[in-house]
Amino acid sequence: MKFIKEKDEERQDYIFQKNKKTKLGAKFIALVLVLLIIGVITSGFLLEFF
């Protein structure tokens, strides 16, 4: 099983395809995770947990 399928490969056993949707989705998920981490750290400082 391959993790990322190239555009010109003919195979069915892959998890992600290398295209614009996959790249955009990965960037969106990374951005949301960073914002959540920043929110948790900020709320920790505001509520004096750190």
N, C-alpha and C. Protein backbone atom coordinates (compact mmCIF):
# COMPACT_ATOMS: atom_id res chain seq x y z
N MET A 1 0.85 -1.18 0.00
CA MET A 1 0.00 0.00 0.00
C MET A 1 0.89 1.24 0.00
N LYS A 2 0.60 2.17 -0.86
CA LYS A 2 1.36 3.39 -0.97
C LYS A 2 0.62 4.52 -0.26
N PHE A 3 1.35 5.43 0.37
CA PHE A 3 0.75 6.51 1.12
C PHE A 3 0.24 7.63 0.20
N ILE A 4 1.09 8.08 -0.75
CA ILE A 4 0.70 9.14 -1.68
C ILE A 4 0.87 8.64 -3.10
N LYS A 5 -0.18 8.76 -3.90
CA LYS A 5 -0.18 8.32 -5.29
C LYS A 5 0.15 9.51 -6.18
N GLU A 6 1.11 9.30 -7.09
CA GLU A 6 1.43 10.33 -8.08
C GLU A 6 0.31 10.41 -9.10
N LYS A 7 0.22 11.53 -9.81
CA LYS A 7 -0.86 11.74 -10.77
C LYS A 7 -0.87 10.74 -11.91
N ASP A 8 0.30 10.34 -12.38
CA ASP A 8 0.38 9.48 -13.57
C ASP A 8 0.44 7.99 -13.24
N GLU A 9 0.32 7.61 -11.99
CA GLU A 9 0.36 6.19 -11.62
C GLU A 9 -1.02 5.55 -11.76
N GLU A 10 -1.01 4.32 -12.20
CA GLU A 10 -2.25 3.54 -12.31
C GLU A 10 -2.27 2.51 -11.19
N ARG A 11 -2.83 2.88 -10.06
CA ARG A 11 -2.94 1.96 -8.94
C ARG A 11 -4.16 2.30 -8.10
N GLN A 12 -4.60 1.34 -7.32
CA GLN A 12 -5.81 1.52 -6.50
C GLN A 12 -5.51 1.53 -5.00
N ASP A 13 -4.31 1.12 -4.59
CA ASP A 13 -4.00 1.00 -3.17
C ASP A 13 -3.18 2.20 -2.68
N TYR A 14 -3.86 3.31 -2.46
CA TYR A 14 -3.19 4.50 -1.95
C TYR A 14 -4.12 5.19 -0.96
N ILE A 15 -3.55 6.07 -0.14
CA ILE A 15 -4.34 6.79 0.86
C ILE A 15 -4.65 8.21 0.36
N PHE A 16 -3.61 8.92 -0.10
CA PHE A 16 -3.79 10.27 -0.61
C PHE A 16 -3.34 10.34 -2.06
N GLN A 17 -3.98 11.20 -2.83
CA GLN A 17 -3.56 11.45 -4.19
C GLN A 17 -2.90 12.83 -4.23
N LYS A 18 -1.84 12.95 -5.00
CA LYS A 18 -1.11 14.20 -5.05
C LYS A 18 -1.83 15.15 -6.02
N ASN A 19 -2.71 16.00 -5.48
CA ASN A 19 -3.42 16.98 -6.29
C ASN A 19 -3.71 18.22 -5.44
N LYS A 20 -4.39 19.18 -6.03
CA LYS A 20 -4.64 20.45 -5.33
C LYS A 20 -5.55 20.28 -4.12
N LYS A 21 -6.54 19.43 -4.22
CA LYS A 21 -7.47 19.23 -3.10
C LYS A 21 -6.74 18.67 -1.88
N THR A 22 -5.87 17.71 -2.10
CA THR A 22 -5.14 17.10 -0.98
C THR A 22 -4.20 18.12 -0.34
N LYS A 23 -3.49 18.89 -1.15
CA LYS A 23 -2.58 19.90 -0.61
C LYS A 23 -3.34 20.98 0.15
N LEU A 24 -4.47 21.44 -0.40
CA LEU A 24 -5.27 22.45 0.26
C LEU A 24 -5.84 21.91 1.58
N GLY A 25 -6.32 20.68 1.57
CA GLY A 25 -6.86 20.08 2.78
C GLY A 25 -5.81 19.92 3.87
N ALA A 26 -4.61 19.52 3.49
CA ALA A 26 -3.52 19.36 4.47
C ALA A 26 -3.13 20.70 5.07
N LYS A 27 -3.07 21.73 4.24
CA LYS A 27 -2.74 23.07 4.75
C LYS A 27 -3.83 23.58 5.68
N PHE A 28 -5.09 23.33 5.33
CA PHE A 28 -6.21 23.77 6.17
C PHE A 28 -6.18 23.08 7.53
N ILE A 29 -5.95 21.78 7.53
CA ILE A 29 -5.90 21.02 8.78
C ILE A 29 -4.74 21.49 9.64
N ALA A 30 -3.58 21.74 9.03
CA ALA A 30 -2.42 22.23 9.78
C ALA A 30 -2.71 23.59 10.39
N LEU A 31 -3.36 24.47 9.63
CA LEU A 31 -3.70 25.80 10.13
C LEU A 31 -4.66 25.72 11.31
N VAL A 32 -5.67 24.87 11.20
CA VAL A 32 -6.63 24.71 12.30
C VAL A 32 -5.95 24.17 13.55
N LEU A 33 -5.05 23.20 13.38
CA LEU A 33 -4.33 22.66 14.54
C LEU A 33 -3.47 23.72 15.21
N VAL A 34 -2.79 24.54 14.42
CA VAL A 34 -1.96 25.61 14.98
C VAL A 34 -2.83 26.60 15.74
N LEU A 35 -3.97 26.97 15.16
CA LEU A 35 -4.87 27.91 15.85
C LEU A 35 -5.40 27.31 17.15
N LEU A 36 -5.71 26.03 17.16
CA LEU A 36 -6.17 25.39 18.39
C LEU A 36 -5.08 25.38 19.46
N ILE A 37 -3.86 25.10 19.07
CA ILE A 37 -2.74 25.09 20.02
C ILE A 37 -2.53 26.49 20.59
N ILE A 38 -2.57 27.50 19.72
CA ILE A 38 -2.43 28.89 20.19
C ILE A 38 -3.56 29.25 21.14
N GLY A 39 -4.77 28.81 20.84
CA GLY A 39 -5.91 29.08 21.72
C GLY A 39 -5.78 28.43 23.08
N VAL A 40 -5.29 27.21 23.11
CA VAL A 40 -5.10 26.51 24.39
C VAL A 40 -4.02 27.20 25.22
N ILE A 41 -2.93 27.59 24.59
CA ILE A 41 -1.85 28.27 25.31
C ILE A 41 -2.34 29.63 25.83
N THR A 42 -3.05 30.37 24.99
CA THR A 42 -3.56 31.68 25.40
C THR A 42 -4.54 31.55 26.56
N SER A 43 -5.44 30.60 26.48
CA SER A 43 -6.39 30.44 27.58
C SER A 43 -5.69 29.98 28.85
N GLY A 44 -4.62 29.21 28.71
CA GLY A 44 -3.86 28.81 29.88
C GLY A 44 -3.22 29.99 30.58
N PHE A 45 -2.68 30.93 29.79
CA PHE A 45 -2.09 32.13 30.38
C PHE A 45 -3.16 33.03 31.00
N LEU A 46 -4.28 33.18 30.31
CA LEU A 46 -5.33 34.05 30.83
C LEU A 46 -5.97 33.49 32.10
N LEU A 47 -6.06 32.20 32.22
CA LEU A 47 -6.64 31.58 33.41
C LEU A 47 -5.56 31.22 34.44
N GLU A 48 -4.34 31.64 34.19
CA GLU A 48 -3.19 31.48 35.09
C GLU A 48 -2.91 30.03 35.45
N PHE A 49 -2.96 29.15 34.43
CA PHE A 49 -2.56 27.76 34.64
C PHE A 49 -1.06 27.58 34.41
N PHE A 50 -0.44 28.51 33.71
CA PHE A 50 1.01 28.38 33.43
C PHE A 50 1.79 29.31 34.30
